[in-house]
Structure formats: C-alpha cells, structure tokens
C-alpha cells in the first residue's frame, strides 16, 4: 500500500516538452505505488500531440488556463478554463492549444506509467512525429493519426 504524499512546487524539476512548453510532474508512479501519474503541462499556442491511444492508462485533464480543442474519437469540441476531460484507455484522442498564448492543463494518468513516455520524449534531440512515435511505442501508446493544426480539422 502506498504512503500518503504531499508534493510542493519545485519538488521535482520541470522537463522541457520538445514541442513547446514544459511539464512539471506532481507525482510519479514511484510516489503512488503505480496507481497515478499527475503532471501540469504548459502548451505553447498551436501545440498538440498526434492522435494516439493508450493501451493501459485512462487519462483525465483539467484545463487550468487557456483554450483547447479536443478530438475524442470522432468528436471535436473546444474547452476552456475549468473544463474537465476524461479519456478511457483505447480511445483515439488529441488536443491543441487554440489560444494565442501559452495554456495550462493538469493531467492525470491511472494507473501510472506515462512518465516513461514524457521522459523519453523530452530526451529527444529533435521533436516531431517520428520522435513522438519512437517514445510512444515502449510506453504502450499507438499513434493513429495526425495532430490537430492549421491544415487539420477545425
């Protein structure tokens, strides 16, 4: 059984997100007995991952600041500060910061495990779809489509 934990800002150094912004882990699997990974991400304007799935983790996102567009399966919807998004494992999804300034989300993965993807992706020399896919596979993610973007769905 994991022990209770309180984490404070700065307890762990933020990592650079190669596609813009940064990621600050609040808890990793080693803090929660493998039950939860929680992080805050700052997304640059226009930033967002390719459409992907998670084999083993459910993902929940709470928008702290800014505006995002989400594709969840075939549905496309905008969400802003205070919105909560739940994505069960296996559901194809992506998001994009559609504002003109950096935006923030708090992200939860249950069970834990996605930290290995973020650590591997942050270590990539050059961001891009190939680097994302290389880091995704070992973390149990499949890239199933392009990111949202200027040429993508609106």
C-alpha atoms as a PDB file:
ATOM      1  CA  UNK A   1       0.000   0.000   0.000  1.00  0.00           C
ATOM      2  CA  UNK A   2       1.482   3.391  -0.941  1.00  0.00           C
ATOM      3  CA  UNK A   3       2.051   6.060   1.667  1.00  0.00           C
ATOM      4  CA  UNK A   4       0.206   9.407   1.526  1.00  0.00           C
ATOM      5  CA  UNK A   5       2.249  12.111  -0.145  1.00  0.00           C
ATOM      6  CA  UNK A   6       2.263  15.897  -0.276  1.00  0.00           C
ATOM      7  CA  UNK A   7       4.327  17.434  -3.055  1.00  0.00           C
ATOM      8  CA  UNK A   8       5.250  21.108  -3.191  1.00  0.00           C
ATOM      9  CA  UNK A   9       6.036  23.302  -6.215  1.00  0.00           C
ATOM     10  CA  UNK A  10       9.634  22.745  -7.204  1.00  0.00           C
ATOM     11  CA  UNK A  11       9.958  19.330  -5.508  1.00  0.00           C
ATOM     12  CA  UNK A  12      10.861  17.970  -8.927  1.00  0.00           C
ATOM     13  CA  UNK A  13      12.441  19.946 -11.758  1.00  0.00           C
ATOM     14  CA  UNK A  14      10.228  20.553 -14.777  1.00  0.00           C
ATOM     15  CA  UNK A  15      11.208  18.887 -18.030  1.00  0.00           C
ATOM     16  CA  UNK A  16      11.142  20.560 -21.417  1.00  0.00           C
ATOM     17  CA  UNK A  17       8.438  19.431 -23.788  1.00  0.00           C
ATOM     18  CA  UNK A  18      10.205  19.280 -27.187  1.00  0.00           C
ATOM     19  CA  UNK A  19       7.099  20.584 -28.987  1.00  0.00           C
ATOM     20  CA  UNK A  20       6.913  23.668 -26.763  1.00  0.00           C
ATOM     21  CA  UNK A  21       6.244  24.454 -23.137  1.00  0.00           C
ATOM     22  CA  UNK A  22       7.214  22.347 -20.145  1.00  0.00           C
ATOM     23  CA  UNK A  23       5.960  19.510 -17.964  1.00  0.00           C
ATOM     24  CA  UNK A  24       6.086  19.523 -14.169  1.00  0.00           C
ATOM     25  CA  UNK A  25       5.367  16.169 -12.507  1.00  0.00           C
ATOM     26  CA  UNK A  26       3.387  16.367  -9.282  1.00  0.00           C
ATOM     27  CA  UNK A  27       3.569  12.621  -8.618  1.00  0.00           C
ATOM     28  CA  UNK A  28       5.102   9.721 -10.490  1.00  0.00           C
ATOM     29  CA  UNK A  29       4.359   6.043 -10.147  1.00  0.00           C
ATOM     30  CA  UNK A  30       7.109   5.586  -7.569  1.00  0.00           C
ATOM     31  CA  UNK A  31       5.251   8.025  -5.279  1.00  0.00           C
ATOM     32  CA  UNK A  32       1.863   6.285  -5.636  1.00  0.00           C
ATOM     33  CA  UNK A  33       2.647   2.589  -5.768  1.00  0.00           C
ATOM     34  CA  UNK A  34       1.967   2.648  -9.504  1.00  0.00           C
ATOM     35  CA  UNK A  35      -1.582   3.954  -9.137  1.00  0.00           C
ATOM     36  CA  UNK A  36      -1.262   7.509 -10.510  1.00  0.00           C
ATOM     37  CA  UNK A  37       0.898   9.858 -12.542  1.00  0.00           C
ATOM     38  CA  UNK A  38      -0.073  13.531 -12.269  1.00  0.00           C
ATOM     39  CA  UNK A  39       1.529  16.469 -14.042  1.00  0.00           C
ATOM     40  CA  UNK A  40       0.993  20.034 -15.117  1.00  0.00           C
ATOM     41  CA  UNK A  41       1.763  20.880 -18.715  1.00  0.00           C
ATOM     42  CA  UNK A  42       2.192  24.258 -20.328  1.00  0.00           C
ATOM     43  CA  UNK A  43       1.279  24.127 -24.017  1.00  0.00           C
ATOM     44  CA  UNK A  44       2.545  26.702 -26.492  1.00  0.00           C
ATOM     45  CA  UNK A  45      -0.005  28.247 -28.909  1.00  0.00           C
ATOM     46  CA  UNK A  46      -0.834  25.709 -31.622  1.00  0.00           C
ATOM     47  CA  UNK A  47       0.820  22.846 -29.701  1.00  0.00           C
ATOM     48  CA  UNK A  48      -0.726  19.420 -29.530  1.00  0.00           C
ATOM     49  CA  UNK A  49       0.215  15.766 -29.934  1.00  0.00           C
ATOM     50  CA  UNK A  50      -0.642  13.456 -32.831  1.00  0.00           C
ATOM     51  CA  UNK A  51      -3.853  11.452 -32.470  1.00  0.00           C
ATOM     52  CA  UNK A  52      -2.969   8.489 -30.251  1.00  0.00           C
ATOM     53  CA  UNK A  53      -4.273   5.820 -27.903  1.00  0.00           C
ATOM     54  CA  UNK A  54      -3.104   4.493 -24.544  1.00  0.00           C
ATOM     55  CA  UNK A  55      -3.205   0.722 -24.054  1.00  0.00           C
ATOM     56  CA  UNK A  56      -3.151   0.699 -20.256  1.00  0.00           C
ATOM     57  CA  UNK A  57      -3.936   4.144 -18.837  1.00  0.00           C
ATOM     58  CA  UNK A  58      -7.054   6.265 -18.533  1.00  0.00           C
ATOM     59  CA  UNK A  59      -6.286   9.974 -18.961  1.00  0.00           C
ATOM     60  CA  UNK A  60      -8.041  12.897 -17.275  1.00  0.00           C
ATOM     61  CA  UNK A  61      -7.316  16.550 -17.975  1.00  0.00           C
ATOM     62  CA  UNK A  62      -8.354  19.694 -16.130  1.00  0.00           C
ATOM     63  CA  UNK A  63      -7.857  22.943 -18.026  1.00  0.00           C
ATOM     64  CA  UNK A  64      -6.306  25.484 -15.696  1.00  0.00           C
ATOM     65  CA  UNK A  65      -5.823  28.348 -18.133  1.00  0.00           C
ATOM     66  CA  UNK A  66      -6.451  28.909 -21.841  1.00  0.00           C
ATOM     67  CA  UNK A  67      -8.473  27.261 -24.604  1.00  0.00           C
ATOM     68  CA  UNK A  68      -8.023  23.827 -26.134  1.00  0.00           C
ATOM     69  CA  UNK A  69      -9.624  21.856 -28.940  1.00  0.00           C
ATOM     70  CA  UNK A  70     -10.055  18.118 -28.307  1.00  0.00           C
ATOM     71  CA  UNK A  71     -10.664  15.271 -30.714  1.00  0.00           C
ATOM     72  CA  UNK A  72     -12.013  12.294 -28.809  1.00  0.00           C
ATOM     73  CA  UNK A  73     -12.720   9.504 -31.274  1.00  0.00           C
ATOM     74  CA  UNK A  74     -14.786  11.223 -33.983  1.00  0.00           C
ATOM     75  CA  UNK A  75     -15.982  14.090 -31.742  1.00  0.00           C
ATOM     76  CA  UNK A  76     -14.359  17.523 -31.957  1.00  0.00           C
ATOM     77  CA  UNK A  77     -15.030  20.022 -29.170  1.00  0.00           C
ATOM     78  CA  UNK A  78     -13.486  23.168 -27.708  1.00  0.00           C
ATOM     79  CA  UNK A  79     -12.946  23.545 -23.963  1.00  0.00           C
ATOM     80  CA  UNK A  80     -11.635  26.348 -21.765  1.00  0.00           C
ATOM     81  CA  UNK A  81     -10.596  27.061 -18.184  1.00  0.00           C
ATOM     82  CA  UNK A  82     -12.358  24.816 -15.683  1.00  0.00           C
ATOM     83  CA  UNK A  83     -13.347  22.140 -18.199  1.00  0.00           C
ATOM     84  CA  UNK A  84     -12.604  18.525 -17.290  1.00  0.00           C
ATOM     85  CA  UNK A  85     -11.951  15.818 -19.892  1.00  0.00           C
ATOM     86  CA  UNK A  86     -11.916  12.055 -19.221  1.00  0.00           C
ATOM     87  CA  UNK A  87     -10.427   9.732 -21.861  1.00  0.00           C
ATOM     88  CA  UNK A  88     -10.724   5.976 -21.247  1.00  0.00           C
ATOM     89  CA  UNK A  89      -7.799   3.823 -22.384  1.00  0.00           C
ATOM     90  CA  UNK A  90      -8.067   2.752 -26.010  1.00  0.00           C
ATOM     91  CA  UNK A  91      -9.959   5.870 -27.187  1.00  0.00           C
ATOM     92  CA  UNK A  92      -8.147   7.751 -30.003  1.00  0.00           C
ATOM     93  CA  UNK A  93      -7.567  11.340 -28.915  1.00  0.00           C
ATOM     94  CA  UNK A  94      -5.571  14.503 -29.367  1.00  0.00           C
ATOM     95  CA  UNK A  95      -5.735  18.149 -28.331  1.00  0.00           C
ATOM     96  CA  UNK A  96      -4.413  21.532 -29.402  1.00  0.00           C
ATOM     97  CA  UNK A  97      -3.915  24.880 -27.651  1.00  0.00           C
ATOM     98  CA  UNK A  98      -6.143  27.099 -29.818  1.00  0.00           C
ATOM     99  CA  UNK A  99      -5.359  30.316 -27.955  1.00  0.00           C
ATOM    100  CA  UNK A 100      -2.750  32.938 -28.784  1.00  0.00           C
ATOM    101  CA  UNK A 101      -0.773  32.458 -25.554  1.00  0.00           C
ATOM    102  CA  UNK A 102       0.559  29.514 -23.534  1.00  0.00           C
ATOM    103  CA  UNK A 103      -2.164  27.454 -21.867  1.00  0.00           C
ATOM    104  CA  UNK A 104      -2.047  25.067 -18.891  1.00  0.00           C
ATOM    105  CA  UNK A 105      -3.595  21.705 -18.097  1.00  0.00           C
ATOM    106  CA  UNK A 106      -3.357  19.367 -15.133  1.00  0.00           C
ATOM    107  CA  UNK A 107      -3.166  15.772 -16.389  1.00  0.00           C
ATOM    108  CA  UNK A 108      -3.797  12.517 -14.503  1.00  0.00           C
ATOM    109  CA  UNK A 109      -2.958   9.016 -15.763  1.00  0.00           C
ATOM    110  CA  UNK A 110      -4.359   5.970 -13.976  1.00  0.00           C
ATOM    111  CA  UNK A 111      -2.594   3.720 -13.400  1.00  0.00           C
ATOM    112  CA  UNK A 112       0.823   5.358 -13.581  1.00  0.00           C
ATOM    113  CA  UNK A 113       3.345   4.657 -16.304  1.00  0.00           C
ATOM    114  CA  UNK A 114       3.165   7.549 -18.751  1.00  0.00           C
ATOM    115  CA  UNK A 115       6.105   9.309 -17.129  1.00  0.00           C
ATOM    116  CA  UNK A 116       8.363   6.973 -19.136  1.00  0.00           C
ATOM    117  CA  UNK A 117       6.941   8.462 -22.366  1.00  0.00           C
ATOM    118  CA  UNK A 118       7.426  12.083 -21.253  1.00  0.00           C
ATOM    119  CA  UNK A 119      10.972  11.409 -20.039  1.00  0.00           C
ATOM    120  CA  UNK A 120      11.893   9.668 -23.331  1.00  0.00           C
ATOM    121  CA  UNK A 121      10.264  12.365 -25.484  1.00  0.00           C
ATOM    122  CA  UNK A 122      11.984  15.171 -23.538  1.00  0.00           C
ATOM    123  CA  UNK A 123      15.328  13.455 -24.197  1.00  0.00           C
ATOM    124  CA  UNK A 124      14.814  13.531 -27.998  1.00  0.00           C
ATOM    125  CA  UNK A 125      17.231  15.722 -29.916  1.00  0.00           C
ATOM    126  CA  UNK A 126      14.581  16.920 -32.376  1.00  0.00           C
ATOM    127  CA  UNK A 127      10.822  16.995 -31.817  1.00  0.00           C
ATOM    128  CA  UNK A 128       8.453  15.750 -34.445  1.00  0.00           C
ATOM    129  CA  UNK A 129       6.136  12.900 -35.334  1.00  0.00           C
ATOM    130  CA  UNK A 130       8.942  10.338 -35.642  1.00  0.00           C
ATOM    131  CA  UNK A 131      10.356  11.183 -32.201  1.00  0.00           C
ATOM    132  CA  UNK A 132       6.853  11.106 -30.689  1.00  0.00           C
ATOM    133  CA  UNK A 133       6.184   7.661 -32.217  1.00  0.00           C
ATOM    134  CA  UNK A 134       9.580   6.295 -31.045  1.00  0.00           C
ATOM    135  CA  UNK A 135       8.893   7.379 -27.460  1.00  0.00           C
ATOM    136  CA  UNK A 136       5.229   6.295 -27.612  1.00  0.00           C
ATOM    137  CA  UNK A 137       5.651   2.625 -28.532  1.00  0.00           C
ATOM    138  CA  UNK A 138       7.570   1.471 -25.445  1.00  0.00           C
ATOM    139  CA  UNK A 139       5.068   3.388 -23.257  1.00  0.00           C
ATOM    140  CA  UNK A 140       2.088   1.465 -24.691  1.00  0.00           C
ATOM    141  CA  UNK A 141       0.859   4.252 -26.953  1.00  0.00           C
ATOM    142  CA  UNK A 142      -0.071   3.961 -30.624  1.00  0.00           C
ATOM    143  CA  UNK A 143      -0.025   6.965 -32.953  1.00  0.00           C
ATOM    144  CA  UNK A 144      -3.203   6.635 -35.042  1.00  0.00           C
ATOM    145  CA  UNK A 145      -3.435   9.987 -36.818  1.00  0.00           C
ATOM    146  CA  UNK A 146      -2.041  13.496 -37.256  1.00  0.00           C
ATOM    147  CA  UNK A 147      -2.225  16.327 -34.730  1.00  0.00           C
ATOM    148  CA  UNK A 148      -4.851  18.996 -34.991  1.00  0.00           C
ATOM    149  CA  UNK A 149      -3.391  22.002 -36.713  1.00  0.00           C
ATOM    150  CA  UNK A 150      -3.626  24.651 -39.390  1.00  0.00           C
ATOM    151  CA  UNK A 151      -4.334  22.021 -42.066  1.00  0.00           C
ATOM    152  CA  UNK A 152      -6.367  19.807 -39.755  1.00  0.00           C
ATOM    153  CA  UNK A 153      -9.980  19.770 -38.566  1.00  0.00           C
ATOM    154  CA  UNK A 154     -11.465  22.960 -37.163  1.00  0.00           C
END
